[in-house]
Amino acid sequence: MSQKIKMYTLSTCSHCKACKRFMDENDIPYEYTDVDQLEGAERESVIAEVKRLNPQISFPTIVIGDNVIVGFKEERIREALGI
């Protein structure tokens, strides 16, 4: 699996936690940013990036290759990963 996975999450979000658990249980490497843990310019920059990908700015926002998946949608994630 060569696709890079980046997730924008909130540390308190149950859907975000479920998504991280799914990735961990399936040994899928991913990067994530807990947006609510950021401050100042870094937070503003990341929120601008999330808004570009997902104008509703909801979480999790998952980027798999060219796919943007909003919310923990296991079927869409599996499709995007080819698993």
PDB file of N, CA and C in Angstrom:
ATOM      1  N   MET A   1       0.856  -1.181   0.000  1.00  0.00           N
ATOM      2  CA  MET A   1       0.000   0.000   0.000  1.00  0.00           C
ATOM      3  C   MET A   1       0.898   1.239   0.000  1.00  0.00           C
ATOM      4  N   SER A   2       0.889   1.954  -1.108  1.00  0.00           N
ATOM      5  CA  SER A   2       1.817   3.064  -1.245  1.00  0.00           C
ATOM      6  C   SER A   2       1.160   4.404  -0.958  1.00  0.00           C
ATOM      7  N   GLN A   3      -0.151   4.404  -0.796  1.00  0.00           N
ATOM      8  CA  GLN A   3      -0.834   5.665  -0.602  1.00  0.00           C
ATOM      9  C   GLN A   3      -0.578   6.227   0.786  1.00  0.00           C
ATOM     10  N   LYS A   4      -0.280   7.515   0.829  1.00  0.00           N
ATOM     11  CA  LYS A   4      -0.091   8.182   2.106  1.00  0.00           C
ATOM     12  C   LYS A   4      -1.474   8.532   2.661  1.00  0.00           C
ATOM     13  N   ILE A   5      -1.633   8.311   3.944  1.00  0.00           N
ATOM     14  CA  ILE A   5      -2.919   8.602   4.584  1.00  0.00           C
ATOM     15  C   ILE A   5      -2.695   9.692   5.620  1.00  0.00           C
ATOM     16  N   LYS A   6      -3.486  10.752   5.505  1.00  0.00           N
ATOM     17  CA  LYS A   6      -3.415  11.856   6.456  1.00  0.00           C
ATOM     18  C   LYS A   6      -4.818  12.079   6.990  1.00  0.00           C
ATOM     19  N   MET A   7      -4.928  12.111   8.324  1.00  0.00           N
ATOM     20  CA  MET A   7      -6.238  12.347   8.928  1.00  0.00           C
ATOM     21  C   MET A   7      -6.189  13.608   9.772  1.00  0.00           C
ATOM     22  N   TYR A   8      -7.226  14.406   9.618  1.00  0.00           N
ATOM     23  CA  TYR A   8      -7.408  15.575  10.476  1.00  0.00           C
ATOM     24  C   TYR A   8      -8.504  15.203  11.453  1.00  0.00           C
ATOM     25  N   THR A   9      -8.164  15.234  12.740  1.00  0.00           N
ATOM     26  CA  THR A   9      -9.060  14.701  13.765  1.00  0.00           C
ATOM     27  C   THR A   9      -9.163  15.669  14.940  1.00  0.00           C
ATOM     28  N   LEU A  10     -10.063  15.331  15.857  1.00  0.00           N
ATOM     29  CA  LEU A  10     -10.171  16.018  17.145  1.00  0.00           C
ATOM     30  C   LEU A  10      -9.892  14.982  18.228  1.00  0.00           C
ATOM     31  N   SER A  11      -9.172  15.364  19.246  1.00  0.00           N
ATOM     32  CA  SER A  11      -8.790  14.400  20.288  1.00  0.00           C
ATOM     33  C   SER A  11     -10.001  13.869  21.052  1.00  0.00           C
ATOM     34  N   THR A  12     -11.108  14.607  21.029  1.00  0.00           N
ATOM     35  CA  THR A  12     -12.294  14.225  21.805  1.00  0.00           C
ATOM     36  C   THR A  12     -13.386  13.563  20.967  1.00  0.00           C
ATOM     37  N   CYS A  13     -13.136  13.390  19.671  1.00  0.00           N
ATOM     38  CA  CYS A  13     -14.173  12.933  18.731  1.00  0.00           C
ATOM     39  C   CYS A  13     -14.247  11.405  18.685  1.00  0.00           C
ATOM     40  N   SER A  14     -15.423  10.846  18.972  1.00  0.00           N
ATOM     41  CA  SER A  14     -15.562   9.383  18.990  1.00  0.00           C
ATOM     42  C   SER A  14     -15.390   8.786  17.590  1.00  0.00           C
ATOM     43  N   HIS A  15     -15.848   9.478  16.552  1.00  0.00           N
ATOM     44  CA  HIS A  15     -15.682   8.981  15.178  1.00  0.00           C
ATOM     45  C   HIS A  15     -14.202   8.970  14.801  1.00  0.00           C
ATOM     46  N   CYS A  16     -13.481   9.989  15.255  1.00  0.00           N
ATOM     47  CA  CYS A  16     -12.037  10.063  14.983  1.00  0.00           C
ATOM     48  C   CYS A  16     -11.316   8.905  15.673  1.00  0.00           C
ATOM     49  N   LYS A  17     -11.688   8.646  16.917  1.00  0.00           N
ATOM     50  CA  LYS A  17     -11.066   7.537  17.663  1.00  0.00           C
ATOM     51  C   LYS A  17     -11.361   6.203  16.985  1.00  0.00           C
ATOM     52  N   ALA A  18     -12.595   6.030  16.518  1.00  0.00           N
ATOM     53  CA  ALA A  18     -12.971   4.785  15.835  1.00  0.00           C
ATOM     54  C   ALA A  18     -12.163   4.629  14.550  1.00  0.00           C
ATOM     55  N   CYS A  19     -11.937   5.709  13.850  1.00  0.00           N
ATOM     56  CA  CYS A  19     -11.179   5.663  12.604  1.00  0.00           C
ATOM     57  C   CYS A  19      -9.722   5.292  12.883  1.00  0.00           C
ATOM     58  N   LYS A  20      -9.120   5.889  13.899  1.00  0.00           N
ATOM     59  CA  LYS A  20      -7.734   5.553  14.269  1.00  0.00           C
ATOM     60  C   LYS A  20      -7.646   4.081  14.677  1.00  0.00           C
ATOM     61  N   ARG A  21      -8.644   3.610  15.430  1.00  0.00           N
ATOM     62  CA  ARG A  21      -8.662   2.212  15.868  1.00  0.00           C
ATOM     63  C   ARG A  21      -8.743   1.282  14.653  1.00  0.00           C
ATOM     64  N   PHE A  22      -9.599   1.622  13.680  1.00  0.00           N
ATOM     65  CA  PHE A  22      -9.723   0.832  12.455  1.00  0.00           C
ATOM     66  C   PHE A  22      -8.369   0.749  11.744  1.00  0.00           C
ATOM     67  N   MET A  23      -7.689   1.880  11.617  1.00  0.00           N
ATOM     68  CA  MET A  23      -6.383   1.899  10.943  1.00  0.00           C
ATOM     69  C   MET A  23      -5.379   1.032  11.707  1.00  0.00           C
ATOM     70  N   ASP A  24      -5.357   1.190  13.030  1.00  0.00           N
ATOM     71  CA  ASP A  24      -4.421   0.415  13.861  1.00  0.00           C
ATOM     72  C   ASP A  24      -4.699  -1.083  13.764  1.00  0.00           C
ATOM     73  N   GLU A  25      -5.976  -1.464  13.858  1.00  0.00           N
ATOM     74  CA  GLU A  25      -6.344  -2.879  13.844  1.00  0.00           C
ATOM     75  C   GLU A  25      -6.021  -3.538  12.502  1.00  0.00           C
ATOM     76  N   ASN A  26      -5.989  -2.734  11.435  1.00  0.00           N
ATOM     77  CA  ASN A  26      -5.707  -3.265  10.106  1.00  0.00           C
ATOM     78  C   ASN A  26      -4.263  -2.999   9.666  1.00  0.00           C
ATOM     79  N   ASP A  27      -3.432  -2.587  10.637  1.00  0.00           N
ATOM     80  CA  ASP A  27      -2.009  -2.321  10.358  1.00  0.00           C
ATOM     81  C   ASP A  27      -1.820  -1.373   9.179  1.00  0.00           C
ATOM     82  N   ILE A  28      -2.633  -0.328   9.134  1.00  0.00           N
ATOM     83  CA  ILE A  28      -2.544   0.664   8.067  1.00  0.00           C
ATOM     84  C   ILE A  28      -1.795   1.878   8.618  1.00  0.00           C
ATOM     85  N   PRO A  29      -0.640   2.188   8.041  1.00  0.00           N
ATOM     86  CA  PRO A  29       0.104   3.348   8.540  1.00  0.00           C
ATOM     87  C   PRO A  29      -0.596   4.652   8.153  1.00  0.00           C
ATOM     88  N   TYR A  30      -0.638   5.585   9.072  1.00  0.00           N
ATOM     89  CA  TYR A  30      -1.295   6.867   8.802  1.00  0.00           C
ATOM     90  C   TYR A  30      -0.659   7.945   9.655  1.00  0.00           C
ATOM     91  N   GLU A  31      -0.850   9.174   9.216  1.00  0.00           N
ATOM     92  CA  GLU A  31      -0.478  10.331  10.019  1.00  0.00           C
ATOM     93  C   GLU A  31      -1.771  11.002  10.436  1.00  0.00           C
ATOM     94  N   TYR A  32      -1.762  11.608  11.596  1.00  0.00           N
ATOM     95  CA  TYR A  32      -2.957  12.356  11.983  1.00  0.00           C
ATOM     96  C   TYR A  32      -2.555  13.617  12.714  1.00  0.00           C
ATOM     97  N   THR A  33      -3.448  14.585  12.667  1.00  0.00           N
ATOM     98  CA  THR A  33      -3.278  15.835  13.391  1.00  0.00           C
ATOM     99  C   THR A  33      -4.540  16.052  14.201  1.00  0.00           C
ATOM    100  N   ASP A  34      -4.408  16.109  15.529  1.00  0.00           N
ATOM    101  CA  ASP A  34      -5.536  16.480  16.392  1.00  0.00           C
ATOM    102  C   ASP A  34      -5.626  18.004  16.365  1.00  0.00           C
ATOM    103  N   VAL A  35      -6.534  18.512  15.537  1.00  0.00           N
ATOM    104  CA  VAL A  35      -6.616  19.950  15.287  1.00  0.00           C
ATOM    105  C   VAL A  35      -6.879  20.727  16.574  1.00  0.00           C
ATOM    106  N   ASP A  36      -7.663  20.134  17.490  1.00  0.00           N
ATOM    107  CA  ASP A  36      -7.975  20.851  18.735  1.00  0.00           C
ATOM    108  C   ASP A  36      -6.767  20.969  19.675  1.00  0.00           C
ATOM    109  N   GLN A  37      -5.677  20.278  19.367  1.00  0.00           N
ATOM    110  CA  GLN A  37      -4.472  20.352  20.201  1.00  0.00           C
ATOM    111  C   GLN A  37      -3.487  21.411  19.688  1.00  0.00           C
ATOM    112  N   LEU A  38      -3.783  21.985  18.539  1.00  0.00           N
ATOM    113  CA  LEU A  38      -2.885  22.985  17.957  1.00  0.00           C
ATOM    114  C   LEU A  38      -3.231  24.372  18.476  1.00  0.00           C
ATOM    115  N   GLU A  39      -2.276  25.280  18.329  1.00  0.00           N
ATOM    116  CA  GLU A  39      -2.503  26.653  18.769  1.00  0.00           C
ATOM    117  C   GLU A  39      -1.971  27.632  17.738  1.00  0.00           C
ATOM    118  N   GLY A  40      -2.504  28.843  17.782  1.00  0.00           N
ATOM    119  CA  GLY A  40      -1.951  29.951  17.020  1.00  0.00           C
ATOM    120  C   GLY A  40      -1.921  29.732  15.518  1.00  0.00           C
ATOM    121  N   ALA A  41      -0.819  30.149  14.911  1.00  0.00           N
ATOM    122  CA  ALA A  41      -0.680  30.125  13.447  1.00  0.00           C
ATOM    123  C   ALA A  41      -0.756  28.711  12.901  1.00  0.00           C
ATOM    124  N   GLU A  42      -0.192  27.740  13.629  1.00  0.00           N
ATOM    125  CA  GLU A  42      -0.230  26.353  13.170  1.00  0.00           C
ATOM    126  C   GLU A  42      -1.686  25.884  13.068  1.00  0.00           C
ATOM    127  N   ARG A  43      -2.470  26.207  14.091  1.00  0.00           N
ATOM    128  CA  ARG A  43      -3.888  25.816  14.087  1.00  0.00           C
ATOM    129  C   ARG A  43      -4.621  26.480  12.920  1.00  0.00           C
ATOM    130  N   GLU A  44      -4.387  27.766  12.719  1.00  0.00           N
ATOM    131  CA  GLU A  44      -5.047  28.486  11.624  1.00  0.00           C
ATOM    132  C   GLU A  44      -4.685  27.876  10.282  1.00  0.00           C
ATOM    133  N   SER A  45      -3.424  27.532  10.107  1.00  0.00           N
ATOM    134  CA  SER A  45      -2.950  26.945   8.860  1.00  0.00           C
ATOM    135  C   SER A  45      -3.608  25.591   8.602  1.00  0.00           C
ATOM    136  N   VAL A  46      -3.678  24.749   9.639  1.00  0.00           N
ATOM    137  CA  VAL A  46      -4.280  23.420   9.483  1.00  0.00           C
ATOM    138  C   VAL A  46      -5.782  23.538   9.232  1.00  0.00           C
ATOM    139  N   ILE A  47      -6.455  24.436   9.924  1.00  0.00           N
ATOM    140  CA  ILE A  47      -7.896  24.619   9.701  1.00  0.00           C
ATOM    141  C   ILE A  47      -8.151  25.098   8.271  1.00  0.00           C
ATOM    142  N   ALA A  48      -7.287  25.969   7.744  1.00  0.00           N
ATOM    143  CA  ALA A  48      -7.422  26.421   6.352  1.00  0.00           C
ATOM    144  C   ALA A  48      -7.277  25.243   5.395  1.00  0.00           C
ATOM    145  N   GLU A  49      -6.352  24.324   5.690  1.00  0.00           N
ATOM    146  CA  GLU A  49      -6.156  23.132   4.862  1.00  0.00           C
ATOM    147  C   GLU A  49      -7.388  22.227   4.926  1.00  0.00           C
ATOM    148  N   VAL A  50      -7.930  22.012   6.133  1.00  0.00           N
ATOM    149  CA  VAL A  50      -9.143  21.188   6.278  1.00  0.00           C
ATOM    150  C   VAL A  50     -10.288  21.827   5.506  1.00  0.00           C
ATOM    151  N   LYS A  51     -10.422  23.144   5.605  1.00  0.00           N
ATOM    152  CA  LYS A  51     -11.512  23.853   4.920  1.00  0.00           C
ATOM    153  C   LYS A  51     -11.393  23.692   3.402  1.00  0.00           C
ATOM    154  N   ARG A  52     -10.160  23.687   2.888  1.00  0.00           N
ATOM    155  CA  ARG A  52      -9.935  23.497   1.454  1.00  0.00           C
ATOM    156  C   ARG A  52     -10.407  22.097   1.022  1.00  0.00           C
ATOM    157  N   LEU A  53     -10.134  21.098   1.866  1.00  0.00           N
ATOM    158  CA  LEU A  53     -10.502  19.712   1.567  1.00  0.00           C
ATOM    159  C   LEU A  53     -11.976  19.436   1.830  1.00  0.00           C
ATOM    160  N   ASN A  54     -12.499  20.075   2.876  1.00  0.00           N
ATOM    161  CA  ASN A  54     -13.835  19.780   3.388  1.00  0.00           C
ATOM    162  C   ASN A  54     -14.433  21.085   3.905  1.00  0.00           C
ATOM    163  N   PRO A  55     -15.166  21.808   3.034  1.00  0.00           N
ATOM    164  CA  PRO A  55     -15.681  23.138   3.413  1.00  0.00           C
ATOM    165  C   PRO A  55     -16.517  23.155   4.694  1.00  0.00           C
ATOM    166  N   GLN A  56     -17.082  22.010   5.094  1.00  0.00           N
ATOM    167  CA  GLN A  56     -17.873  21.971   6.333  1.00  0.00           C
ATOM    168  C   GLN A  56     -16.981  21.939   7.579  1.00  0.00           C
ATOM    169  N   ILE A  57     -15.696  21.697   7.378  1.00  0.00           N
ATOM    170  CA  ILE A  57     -14.734  21.587   8.485  1.00  0.00           C
ATOM    171  C   ILE A  57     -15.271  20.640   9.559  1.00  0.00           C
ATOM    172  N   SER A  58     -15.564  19.410   9.154  1.00  0.00           N
ATOM    173  CA  SER A  58     -16.021  18.405  10.113  1.00  0.00           C
ATOM    174  C   SER A  58     -14.958  17.316  10.214  1.00  0.00           C
ATOM    175  N   PHE A  59     -15.074  16.521  11.251  1.00  0.00           N
ATOM    176  CA  PHE A  59     -14.018  15.561  11.557  1.00  0.00           C
ATOM    177  C   PHE A  59     -14.594  14.160  11.746  1.00  0.00           C
ATOM    178  N   PRO A  60     -13.813  13.128  11.426  1.00  0.00           N
ATOM    179  CA  PRO A  60     -12.502  13.222  10.806  1.00  0.00           C
ATOM    180  C   PRO A  60     -12.597  13.579   9.325  1.00  0.00           C
ATOM    181  N   THR A  61     -11.583  14.278   8.838  1.00  0.00           N
ATOM    182  CA  THR A  61     -11.383  14.482   7.408  1.00  0.00           C
ATOM    183  C   THR A  61     -10.165  13.635   7.059  1.00  0.00           C
ATOM    184  N   ILE A  62     -10.355  12.674   6.167  1.00  0.00           N
ATOM    185  CA  ILE A  62      -9.324  11.678   5.854  1.00  0.00           C
ATOM    186  C   ILE A  62      -8.899  11.857   4.403  1.00  0.00           C
ATOM    187  N   VAL A  63      -7.598  11.940   4.184  1.00  0.00           N
ATOM    188  CA  VAL A  63      -7.067  12.076   2.828  1.00  0.00           C
ATOM    189  C   VAL A  63      -6.279  10.808   2.519  1.00  0.00           C
ATOM    190  N   ILE A  64      -6.738  10.082   1.489  1.00  0.00           N
ATOM    191  CA  ILE A  64      -6.061   8.857   1.051  1.00  0.00           C
ATOM    192  C   ILE A  64      -5.743   9.057  -0.420  1.00  0.00           C
ATOM    193  N   GLY A  65      -4.490   9.310  -0.736  1.00  0.00           N
ATOM    194  CA  GLY A  65      -4.136   9.616  -2.122  1.00  0.00           C
ATOM    195  C   GLY A  65      -4.899  10.850  -2.575  1.00  0.00           C
ATOM    196  N   ASP A  66      -5.710  10.696  -3.638  1.00  0.00           N
ATOM    197  CA  ASP A  66      -6.507  11.811  -4.151  1.00  0.00           C
ATOM    198  C   ASP A  66      -7.917  11.825  -3.573  1.00  0.00           C
ATOM    199  N   ASN A  67      -8.226  10.858  -2.713  1.00  0.00           N
ATOM    200  CA  ASN A  67      -9.568  10.762  -2.131  1.00  0.00           C
ATOM    201  C   ASN A  67      -9.655  11.536  -0.833  1.00  0.00           C
ATOM    202  N   VAL A  68     -10.738  12.278  -0.678  1.00  0.00           N
ATOM    203  CA  VAL A  68     -11.039  12.930   0.598  1.00  0.00           C
ATOM    204  C   VAL A  68     -12.316  12.298   1.117  1.00  0.00           C
ATOM    205  N   ILE A  69     -12.237  11.716   2.301  1.00  0.00           N
ATOM    206  CA  ILE A  69     -13.395  11.064   2.916  1.00  0.00           C
ATOM    207  C   ILE A  69     -13.706  11.835   4.191  1.00  0.00           C
ATOM    208  N   VAL A  70     -14.948  12.274   4.302  1.00  0.00           N
ATOM    209  CA  VAL A  70     -15.368  13.037   5.475  1.00  0.00           C
ATOM    210  C   VAL A  70     -16.180  12.114   6.364  1.00  0.00           C
ATOM    211  N   GLY A  71     -15.719  11.945   7.601  1.00  0.00           N
ATOM    212  CA  GLY A  71     -16.391  11.044   8.524  1.00  0.00           C
ATOM    213  C   GLY A  71     -15.780   9.656   8.448  1.00  0.00           C
ATOM    214  N   PHE A  72     -16.059   8.849   9.450  1.00  0.00           N
ATOM    215  CA  PHE A  72     -15.533   7.482   9.476  1.00  0.00           C
ATOM    216  C   PHE A  72     -16.468   6.596   8.677  1.00  0.00           C
ATOM    217  N   LYS A  73     -16.188   6.472   7.377  1.00  0.00           N
ATOM    218  CA  LYS A  73     -16.992   5.638   6.474  1.00  0.00           C
ATOM    219  C   LYS A  73     -16.120   4.456   6.082  1.00  0.00           C
ATOM    220  N   GLU A  74     -16.245   3.378   6.834  1.00  0.00           N
ATOM    221  CA  GLU A  74     -15.348   2.236   6.678  1.00  0.00           C
ATOM    222  C   GLU A  74     -15.331   1.706   5.251  1.00  0.00           C
ATOM    223  N   GLU A  75     -16.506   1.585   4.616  1.00  0.00           N
ATOM    224  CA  GLU A  75     -16.547   1.047   3.256  1.00  0.00           C
ATOM    225  C   GLU A  75     -15.763   1.919   2.288  1.00  0.00           C
ATOM    226  N   ARG A  76     -15.944   3.226   2.378  1.00  0.00           N
ATOM    227  CA  ARG A  76     -15.225   4.147   1.473  1.00  0.00           C
ATOM    228  C   ARG A  76     -13.731   4.094   1.744  1.00  0.00           C
ATOM    229  N   ILE A  77     -13.348   3.958   3.014  1.00  0.00           N
ATOM    230  CA  ILE A  77     -11.921   3.867   3.361  1.00  0.00           C
ATOM    231  C   ILE A  77     -11.352   2.584   2.771  1.00  0.00           C
ATOM    232  N   ARG A  78     -12.065   1.476   2.944  1.00  0.00           N
ATOM    233  CA  ARG A  78     -11.595   0.193   2.388  1.00  0.00           C
ATOM    234  C   ARG A  78     -11.451   0.286   0.872  1.00  0.00           C
ATOM    235  N   GLU A  79     -12.433   0.910   0.218  1.00  0.00           N
ATOM    236  CA  GLU A  79     -12.374   1.084  -1.236  1.00  0.00           C
ATOM    237  C   GLU A  79     -11.147   1.879  -1.639  1.00  0.00           C
ATOM    238  N   ALA A  80     -10.935   3.015  -0.970  1.00  0.00           N
ATOM    239  CA  ALA A  80      -9.812   3.894  -1.314  1.00  0.00           C
ATOM    240  C   ALA A  80      -8.486   3.186  -1.112  1.00  0.00           C
ATOM    241  N   LEU A  81      -8.434   2.283  -0.123  1.00  0.00           N
ATOM    242  CA  LEU A  81      -7.194   1.550   0.173  1.00  0.00           C
ATOM    243  C   LEU A  81      -7.080   0.265  -0.631  1.00  0.00           C
ATOM    244  N   GLY A  82      -8.172  -0.141  -1.246  1.00  0.00           N
ATOM    245  CA  GLY A  82      -8.150  -1.396  -1.990  1.00  0.00           C
ATOM    246  C   GLY A  82      -8.057  -2.614  -1.088  1.00  0.00           C
ATOM    247  N   ILE A  83      -8.744  -2.560   0.067  1.00  0.00           N
ATOM    248  CA  ILE A  83      -8.732  -3.716   0.988  1.00  0.00           C
ATOM    249  C   ILE A  83     -10.141  -4.251   1.206  1.00  0.00           C
TER     250      ILE A  83
END
